[in-house]
């Protein structure tokens, strides 16, 4: 069998490392494609939501919103007022009594969460912020009169607040963190796939570079 002039090895032996490299490259490419499509499937709906709300947030001043307010005014029963006064004399930050929250649900259909309220000698105030709106409950500890008001700013404001994680709670904050990790996997696996294909596609790195340079130039030249 003839030997290679440079290595002194047969042609089949000289080409063996190249075959091994091709096998490893094919294995890595297959693995990266799996990570890429799985992460993209997980991120798909979230990326569409965040991209759409990015546009609405960027044009928030141009999108008209007509907040709708709804108020409920009433009088607490003597037993519930006594429970409120008892807590007001002892605490500066405590939730409303469970019996009062149950009474509000059954008689006025007002679901009040078990959150600390602001207590003073004259009144109890409970802020109830929420995505896309606001709400609050005020109780006069002297007369027992209460007022509840809820403000709804519409679906666009609701999804904008989801984008910002504003008044969304712990579960949604965890979702945003996990979604960000999935986006990192999607982006990094895509970058590595581009690297493996860049040998045969020389235009890849100029396009990637443009994606990095363009926002940097806009920030330097037009953001003050």
C-alpha atoms as a PDB file:
ATOM      1  CA  UNK A   1       0.000   0.000   0.000  1.00  0.00           C
ATOM      2  CA  UNK A   2       1.511   3.415  -0.945  1.00  0.00           C
ATOM      3  CA  UNK A   3       2.538   5.754   1.868  1.00  0.00           C
ATOM      4  CA  UNK A   4       1.782   9.439   2.184  1.00  0.00           C
ATOM      5  CA  UNK A   5       4.768  11.520   1.039  1.00  0.00           C
ATOM      6  CA  UNK A   6       4.573  13.919   4.061  1.00  0.00           C
ATOM      7  CA  UNK A   7       3.484  11.646   6.944  1.00  0.00           C
ATOM      8  CA  UNK A   8       4.785   8.263   5.831  1.00  0.00           C
ATOM      9  CA  UNK A   9       1.300   6.834   6.502  1.00  0.00           C
ATOM     10  CA  UNK A  10      -1.113   5.204   4.154  1.00  0.00           C
ATOM     11  CA  UNK A  11      -3.879   7.461   2.735  1.00  0.00           C
ATOM     12  CA  UNK A  12      -6.551   5.695   4.820  1.00  0.00           C
ATOM     13  CA  UNK A  13      -4.569   6.186   8.043  1.00  0.00           C
ATOM     14  CA  UNK A  14      -3.910   9.844   7.218  1.00  0.00           C
ATOM     15  CA  UNK A  15      -7.617  10.518   6.691  1.00  0.00           C
ATOM     16  CA  UNK A  16      -8.732   8.780   9.917  1.00  0.00           C
ATOM     17  CA  UNK A  17      -8.533  11.930  12.143  1.00  0.00           C
ATOM     18  CA  UNK A  18     -10.573  13.860   9.606  1.00  0.00           C
ATOM     19  CA  UNK A  19     -13.288  11.230   9.781  1.00  0.00           C
ATOM     20  CA  UNK A  20     -13.259  11.392  13.588  1.00  0.00           C
ATOM     21  CA  UNK A  21     -13.544  15.166  13.504  1.00  0.00           C
ATOM     22  CA  UNK A  22     -16.467  14.962  11.096  1.00  0.00           C
ATOM     23  CA  UNK A  23     -18.179  12.459  13.377  1.00  0.00           C
ATOM     24  CA  UNK A  24     -17.704  14.665  16.432  1.00  0.00           C
ATOM     25  CA  UNK A  25     -18.914  17.720  14.488  1.00  0.00           C
ATOM     26  CA  UNK A  26     -22.015  15.842  13.334  1.00  0.00           C
ATOM     27  CA  UNK A  27     -22.739  14.684  16.879  1.00  0.00           C
ATOM     28  CA  UNK A  28     -22.371  18.206  18.297  1.00  0.00           C
ATOM     29  CA  UNK A  29     -24.492  19.684  15.525  1.00  0.00           C
ATOM     30  CA  UNK A  30     -27.262  17.176  16.188  1.00  0.00           C
ATOM     31  CA  UNK A  31     -27.160  17.926  19.928  1.00  0.00           C
ATOM     32  CA  UNK A  32     -27.184  21.682  19.357  1.00  0.00           C
ATOM     33  CA  UNK A  33     -30.142  21.385  16.987  1.00  0.00           C
ATOM     34  CA  UNK A  34     -32.028  19.462  19.700  1.00  0.00           C
ATOM     35  CA  UNK A  35     -31.305  22.144  22.320  1.00  0.00           C
ATOM     36  CA  UNK A  36     -32.189  24.862  19.823  1.00  0.00           C
ATOM     37  CA  UNK A  37     -35.589  23.546  18.772  1.00  0.00           C
ATOM     38  CA  UNK A  38     -36.616  22.507  22.291  1.00  0.00           C
ATOM     39  CA  UNK A  39     -35.735  25.915  23.741  1.00  0.00           C
ATOM     40  CA  UNK A  40     -37.432  27.669  20.819  1.00  0.00           C
ATOM     41  CA  UNK A  41     -40.602  25.634  21.378  1.00  0.00           C
ATOM     42  CA  UNK A  42     -40.586  26.574  25.068  1.00  0.00           C
ATOM     43  CA  UNK A  43     -39.921  30.261  24.316  1.00  0.00           C
ATOM     44  CA  UNK A  44     -42.211  30.650  21.303  1.00  0.00           C
ATOM     45  CA  UNK A  45     -45.360  32.046  22.928  1.00  0.00           C
ATOM     46  CA  UNK A  46     -43.380  34.036  25.502  1.00  0.00           C
ATOM     47  CA  UNK A  47     -41.145  35.599  22.829  1.00  0.00           C
ATOM     48  CA  UNK A  48     -44.190  36.595  20.771  1.00  0.00           C
ATOM     49  CA  UNK A  49     -45.783  38.139  23.881  1.00  0.00           C
ATOM     50  CA  UNK A  50     -42.653  40.026  24.904  1.00  0.00           C
ATOM     51  CA  UNK A  51     -41.978  41.209  21.350  1.00  0.00           C
ATOM     52  CA  UNK A  52     -45.548  42.486  20.932  1.00  0.00           C
ATOM     53  CA  UNK A  53     -45.608  44.211  24.319  1.00  0.00           C
ATOM     54  CA  UNK A  54     -42.190  45.691  23.541  1.00  0.00           C
ATOM     55  CA  UNK A  55     -43.871  47.520  20.646  1.00  0.00           C
ATOM     56  CA  UNK A  56     -46.852  48.633  22.755  1.00  0.00           C
ATOM     57  CA  UNK A  57     -44.550  49.835  25.552  1.00  0.00           C
ATOM     58  CA  UNK A  58     -42.424  51.758  23.052  1.00  0.00           C
ATOM     59  CA  UNK A  59     -45.562  53.540  21.824  1.00  0.00           C
ATOM     60  CA  UNK A  60     -47.402  53.752  25.153  1.00  0.00           C
ATOM     61  CA  UNK A  61     -47.919  57.506  24.779  1.00  0.00           C
ATOM     62  CA  UNK A  62     -49.601  57.052  21.405  1.00  0.00           C
ATOM     63  CA  UNK A  63     -51.988  54.293  22.483  1.00  0.00           C
ATOM     64  CA  UNK A  64     -55.092  55.770  24.042  1.00  0.00           C
ATOM     65  CA  UNK A  65     -56.479  54.106  27.129  1.00  0.00           C
ATOM     66  CA  UNK A  66     -59.730  54.903  28.919  1.00  0.00           C
ATOM     67  CA  UNK A  67     -59.500  53.584  32.503  1.00  0.00           C
ATOM     68  CA  UNK A  68     -62.748  52.205  33.880  1.00  0.00           C
ATOM     69  CA  UNK A  69     -63.424  52.690  37.591  1.00  0.00           C
ATOM     70  CA  UNK A  70     -65.898  50.832  39.727  1.00  0.00           C
ATOM     71  CA  UNK A  71     -66.641  51.760  43.332  1.00  0.00           C
ATOM     72  CA  UNK A  72     -68.465  49.949  46.119  1.00  0.00           C
ATOM     73  CA  UNK A  73     -69.528  51.795  49.281  1.00  0.00           C
ATOM     74  CA  UNK A  74     -71.127  50.139  52.270  1.00  0.00           C
ATOM     75  CA  UNK A  75     -71.389  49.711  56.025  1.00  0.00           C
ATOM     76  CA  UNK A  76     -69.710  47.002  58.076  1.00  0.00           C
ATOM     77  CA  UNK A  77     -71.786  44.980  60.537  1.00  0.00           C
ATOM     78  CA  UNK A  78     -71.153  45.747  64.195  1.00  0.00           C
ATOM     79  CA  UNK A  79     -69.326  42.444  64.788  1.00  0.00           C
ATOM     80  CA  UNK A  80     -66.932  42.985  61.890  1.00  0.00           C
ATOM     81  CA  UNK A  81     -66.308  46.600  62.884  1.00  0.00           C
ATOM     82  CA  UNK A  82     -65.461  45.480  66.423  1.00  0.00           C
ATOM     83  CA  UNK A  83     -62.909  43.002  65.049  1.00  0.00           C
ATOM     84  CA  UNK A  84     -61.351  45.749  62.928  1.00  0.00           C
ATOM     85  CA  UNK A  85     -61.161  48.175  65.861  1.00  0.00           C
ATOM     86  CA  UNK A  86     -59.550  45.519  68.032  1.00  0.00           C
ATOM     87  CA  UNK A  87     -56.754  44.957  65.484  1.00  0.00           C
ATOM     88  CA  UNK A  88     -56.382  48.703  64.874  1.00  0.00           C
ATOM     89  CA  UNK A  89     -55.599  49.197  68.571  1.00  0.00           C
ATOM     90  CA  UNK A  90     -52.845  46.560  68.486  1.00  0.00           C
ATOM     91  CA  UNK A  91     -51.161  46.533  65.061  1.00  0.00           C
ATOM     92  CA  UNK A  92     -49.726  48.904  62.484  1.00  0.00           C
ATOM     93  CA  UNK A  93     -49.408  46.302  59.703  1.00  0.00           C
ATOM     94  CA  UNK A  94     -51.675  43.269  59.742  1.00  0.00           C
ATOM     95  CA  UNK A  95     -54.151  41.670  57.339  1.00  0.00           C
ATOM     96  CA  UNK A  96     -57.880  42.182  57.652  1.00  0.00           C
ATOM     97  CA  UNK A  97     -59.724  39.693  59.854  1.00  0.00           C
ATOM     98  CA  UNK A  98     -60.605  36.462  58.068  1.00  0.00           C
ATOM     99  CA  UNK A  99     -64.278  36.862  59.010  1.00  0.00           C
ATOM    100  CA  UNK A 100     -64.353  40.317  57.388  1.00  0.00           C
ATOM    101  CA  UNK A 101     -62.749  39.062  54.194  1.00  0.00           C
ATOM    102  CA  UNK A 102     -65.310  36.240  54.069  1.00  0.00           C
ATOM    103  CA  UNK A 103     -68.148  38.724  54.637  1.00  0.00           C
ATOM    104  CA  UNK A 104     -66.913  40.915  51.763  1.00  0.00           C
ATOM    105  CA  UNK A 105     -66.865  37.882  49.462  1.00  0.00           C
ATOM    106  CA  UNK A 106     -70.298  36.571  50.370  1.00  0.00           C
ATOM    107  CA  UNK A 107     -72.171  39.886  50.554  1.00  0.00           C
ATOM    108  CA  UNK A 108     -70.350  42.126  48.049  1.00  0.00           C
ATOM    109  CA  UNK A 109     -68.416  39.650  45.851  1.00  0.00           C
ATOM    110  CA  UNK A 110     -65.159  41.413  46.760  1.00  0.00           C
ATOM    111  CA  UNK A 111     -62.215  39.028  46.945  1.00  0.00           C
ATOM    112  CA  UNK A 112     -59.707  40.697  49.275  1.00  0.00           C
ATOM    113  CA  UNK A 113     -56.363  38.858  49.617  1.00  0.00           C
ATOM    114  CA  UNK A 114     -54.642  38.115  52.914  1.00  0.00           C
ATOM    115  CA  UNK A 115     -52.202  41.038  52.667  1.00  0.00           C
ATOM    116  CA  UNK A 116     -50.984  43.476  55.349  1.00  0.00           C
ATOM    117  CA  UNK A 117     -53.028  46.665  55.522  1.00  0.00           C
ATOM    118  CA  UNK A 118     -52.107  50.116  56.828  1.00  0.00           C
ATOM    119  CA  UNK A 119     -53.719  50.723  60.210  1.00  0.00           C
ATOM    120  CA  UNK A 120     -54.232  54.065  61.941  1.00  0.00           C
ATOM    121  CA  UNK A 121     -56.485  55.467  64.629  1.00  0.00           C
ATOM    122  CA  UNK A 122     -59.066  56.655  62.096  1.00  0.00           C
ATOM    123  CA  UNK A 123     -58.980  54.218  59.213  1.00  0.00           C
ATOM    124  CA  UNK A 124     -57.631  51.064  57.626  1.00  0.00           C
ATOM    125  CA  UNK A 125     -56.238  51.276  54.123  1.00  0.00           C
ATOM    126  CA  UNK A 126     -55.399  48.247  51.961  1.00  0.00           C
ATOM    127  CA  UNK A 127     -53.652  48.808  48.609  1.00  0.00           C
ATOM    128  CA  UNK A 128     -54.406  46.165  45.982  1.00  0.00           C
ATOM    129  CA  UNK A 129     -52.251  46.910  42.924  1.00  0.00           C
ATOM    130  CA  UNK A 130     -52.582  44.541  39.985  1.00  0.00           C
ATOM    131  CA  UNK A 131     -51.390  44.196  36.380  1.00  0.00           C
ATOM    132  CA  UNK A 132     -53.322  46.521  34.115  1.00  0.00           C
ATOM    133  CA  UNK A 133     -55.070  48.349  36.921  1.00  0.00           C
ATOM    134  CA  UNK A 134     -55.302  49.215  40.565  1.00  0.00           C
ATOM    135  CA  UNK A 135     -57.604  48.745  43.539  1.00  0.00           C
ATOM    136  CA  UNK A 136     -57.872  49.782  47.159  1.00  0.00           C
ATOM    137  CA  UNK A 137     -60.076  49.308  50.193  1.00  0.00           C
ATOM    138  CA  UNK A 138     -60.604  51.924  52.920  1.00  0.00           C
ATOM    139  CA  UNK A 139     -62.461  51.355  56.192  1.00  0.00           C
ATOM    140  CA  UNK A 140     -63.419  54.134  58.588  1.00  0.00           C
ATOM    141  CA  UNK A 141     -62.835  52.675  62.054  1.00  0.00           C
ATOM    142  CA  UNK A 142     -65.151  55.218  63.658  1.00  0.00           C
ATOM    143  CA  UNK A 143     -68.297  54.864  61.563  1.00  0.00           C
ATOM    144  CA  UNK A 144     -67.673  51.436  60.015  1.00  0.00           C
ATOM    145  CA  UNK A 145     -68.155  52.789  56.489  1.00  0.00           C
ATOM    146  CA  UNK A 146     -66.006  51.165  53.831  1.00  0.00           C
ATOM    147  CA  UNK A 147     -65.166  52.078  50.255  1.00  0.00           C
ATOM    148  CA  UNK A 148     -63.675  49.806  47.629  1.00  0.00           C
ATOM    149  CA  UNK A 149     -62.513  51.063  44.222  1.00  0.00           C
ATOM    150  CA  UNK A 150     -61.025  49.110  41.321  1.00  0.00           C
ATOM    151  CA  UNK A 151     -59.502  50.634  38.171  1.00  0.00           C
ATOM    152  CA  UNK A 152     -59.126  48.678  34.917  1.00  0.00           C
ATOM    153  CA  UNK A 153     -56.822  50.182  32.265  1.00  0.00           C
ATOM    154  CA  UNK A 154     -57.487  47.526  29.613  1.00  0.00           C
ATOM    155  CA  UNK A 155     -55.796  44.506  28.085  1.00  0.00           C
ATOM    156  CA  UNK A 156     -52.869  46.410  26.576  1.00  0.00           C
ATOM    157  CA  UNK A 157     -51.926  47.797  29.968  1.00  0.00           C
ATOM    158  CA  UNK A 158     -52.364  44.332  31.473  1.00  0.00           C
ATOM    159  CA  UNK A 159     -49.902  42.710  29.054  1.00  0.00           C
ATOM    160  CA  UNK A 160     -47.507  45.664  29.363  1.00  0.00           C
ATOM    161  CA  UNK A 161     -47.396  45.079  33.118  1.00  0.00           C
ATOM    162  CA  UNK A 162     -46.770  41.373  32.519  1.00  0.00           C
ATOM    163  CA  UNK A 163     -43.811  42.388  30.338  1.00  0.00           C
ATOM    164  CA  UNK A 164     -42.403  44.533  33.161  1.00  0.00           C
ATOM    165  CA  UNK A 165     -43.290  42.088  35.941  1.00  0.00           C
ATOM    166  CA  UNK A 166     -45.246  44.876  37.662  1.00  0.00           C
ATOM    167  CA  UNK A 167     -47.490  43.696  40.503  1.00  0.00           C
ATOM    168  CA  UNK A 168     -47.455  40.148  39.107  1.00  0.00           C
ATOM    169  CA  UNK A 169     -46.438  38.122  42.161  1.00  0.00           C
ATOM    170  CA  UNK A 170     -43.768  35.537  42.859  1.00  0.00           C
ATOM    171  CA  UNK A 171     -44.934  32.865  40.393  1.00  0.00           C
ATOM    172  CA  UNK A 172     -44.753  35.222  37.407  1.00  0.00           C
ATOM    173  CA  UNK A 173     -41.292  36.481  38.459  1.00  0.00           C
ATOM    174  CA  UNK A 174     -40.076  32.883  38.540  1.00  0.00           C
ATOM    175  CA  UNK A 175     -41.592  32.331  35.086  1.00  0.00           C
ATOM    176  CA  UNK A 176     -39.717  35.362  33.713  1.00  0.00           C
ATOM    177  CA  UNK A 177     -36.438  34.040  35.144  1.00  0.00           C
ATOM    178  CA  UNK A 178     -36.965  30.558  33.657  1.00  0.00           C
ATOM    179  CA  UNK A 179     -38.081  32.081  30.364  1.00  0.00           C
ATOM    180  CA  UNK A 180     -34.884  34.174  30.284  1.00  0.00           C
ATOM    181  CA  UNK A 181     -32.773  31.031  30.832  1.00  0.00           C
ATOM    182  CA  UNK A 182     -34.593  29.273  27.976  1.00  0.00           C
ATOM    183  CA  UNK A 183     -33.941  32.302  25.743  1.00  0.00           C
ATOM    184  CA  UNK A 184     -30.238  32.134  26.638  1.00  0.00           C
ATOM    185  CA  UNK A 185     -30.153  28.453  25.650  1.00  0.00           C
ATOM    186  CA  UNK A 186     -31.945  29.300  22.403  1.00  0.00           C
ATOM    187  CA  UNK A 187     -29.549  32.153  21.564  1.00  0.00           C
ATOM    188  CA  UNK A 188     -26.301  30.421  22.569  1.00  0.00           C
ATOM    189  CA  UNK A 189     -27.189  27.169  20.812  1.00  0.00           C
ATOM    190  CA  UNK A 190     -28.069  29.199  17.707  1.00  0.00           C
ATOM    191  CA  UNK A 191     -24.713  30.969  17.899  1.00  0.00           C
ATOM    192  CA  UNK A 192     -22.852  27.649  18.145  1.00  0.00           C
ATOM    193  CA  UNK A 193     -24.833  26.273  15.199  1.00  0.00           C
ATOM    194  CA  UNK A 194     -23.813  29.351  13.206  1.00  0.00           C
ATOM    195  CA  UNK A 195     -20.187  28.703  14.174  1.00  0.00           C
ATOM    196  CA  UNK A 196     -20.343  25.148  12.857  1.00  0.00           C
ATOM    197  CA  UNK A 197     -21.891  26.329   9.581  1.00  0.00           C
ATOM    198  CA  UNK A 198     -19.644  29.384   9.203  1.00  0.00           C
ATOM    199  CA  UNK A 199     -16.953  27.416   7.329  1.00  0.00           C
ATOM    200  CA  UNK A 200     -19.208  27.070   4.303  1.00  0.00           C
ATOM    201  CA  UNK A 201     -21.177  30.308   4.783  1.00  0.00           C
ATOM    202  CA  UNK A 202     -18.770  33.265   5.022  1.00  0.00           C
ATOM    203  CA  UNK A 203     -21.577  35.834   5.330  1.00  0.00           C
ATOM    204  CA  UNK A 204     -22.571  34.562   8.795  1.00  0.00           C
ATOM    205  CA  UNK A 205     -20.120  36.569  10.899  1.00  0.00           C
ATOM    206  CA  UNK A 206     -20.647  39.915   9.129  1.00  0.00           C
ATOM    207  CA  UNK A 207     -24.402  39.558   9.726  1.00  0.00           C
ATOM    208  CA  UNK A 208     -23.836  38.601  13.378  1.00  0.00           C
ATOM    209  CA  UNK A 209     -21.467  41.547  13.737  1.00  0.00           C
ATOM    210  CA  UNK A 210     -24.062  43.887  12.225  1.00  0.00           C
ATOM    211  CA  UNK A 211     -26.572  42.725  14.814  1.00  0.00           C
ATOM    212  CA  UNK A 212     -24.120  43.722  17.558  1.00  0.00           C
ATOM    213  CA  UNK A 213     -22.762  46.934  16.047  1.00  0.00           C
ATOM    214  CA  UNK A 214     -26.065  48.480  14.924  1.00  0.00           C
ATOM    215  CA  UNK A 215     -27.673  48.851  18.400  1.00  0.00           C
ATOM    216  CA  UNK A 216     -24.341  50.025  19.807  1.00  0.00           C
ATOM    217  CA  UNK A 217     -24.095  52.765  17.164  1.00  0.00           C
ATOM    218  CA  UNK A 218     -27.699  53.834  17.740  1.00  0.00           C
ATOM    219  CA  UNK A 219     -27.051  54.058  21.482  1.00  0.00           C
ATOM    220  CA  UNK A 220     -23.849  56.072  21.016  1.00  0.00           C
ATOM    221  CA  UNK A 221     -25.140  58.440  18.340  1.00  0.00           C
ATOM    222  CA  UNK A 222     -28.803  59.003  19.216  1.00  0.00           C
ATOM    223  CA  UNK A 223     -29.324  58.260  22.936  1.00  0.00           C
ATOM    224  CA  UNK A 224     -28.349  61.105  25.221  1.00  0.00           C
END
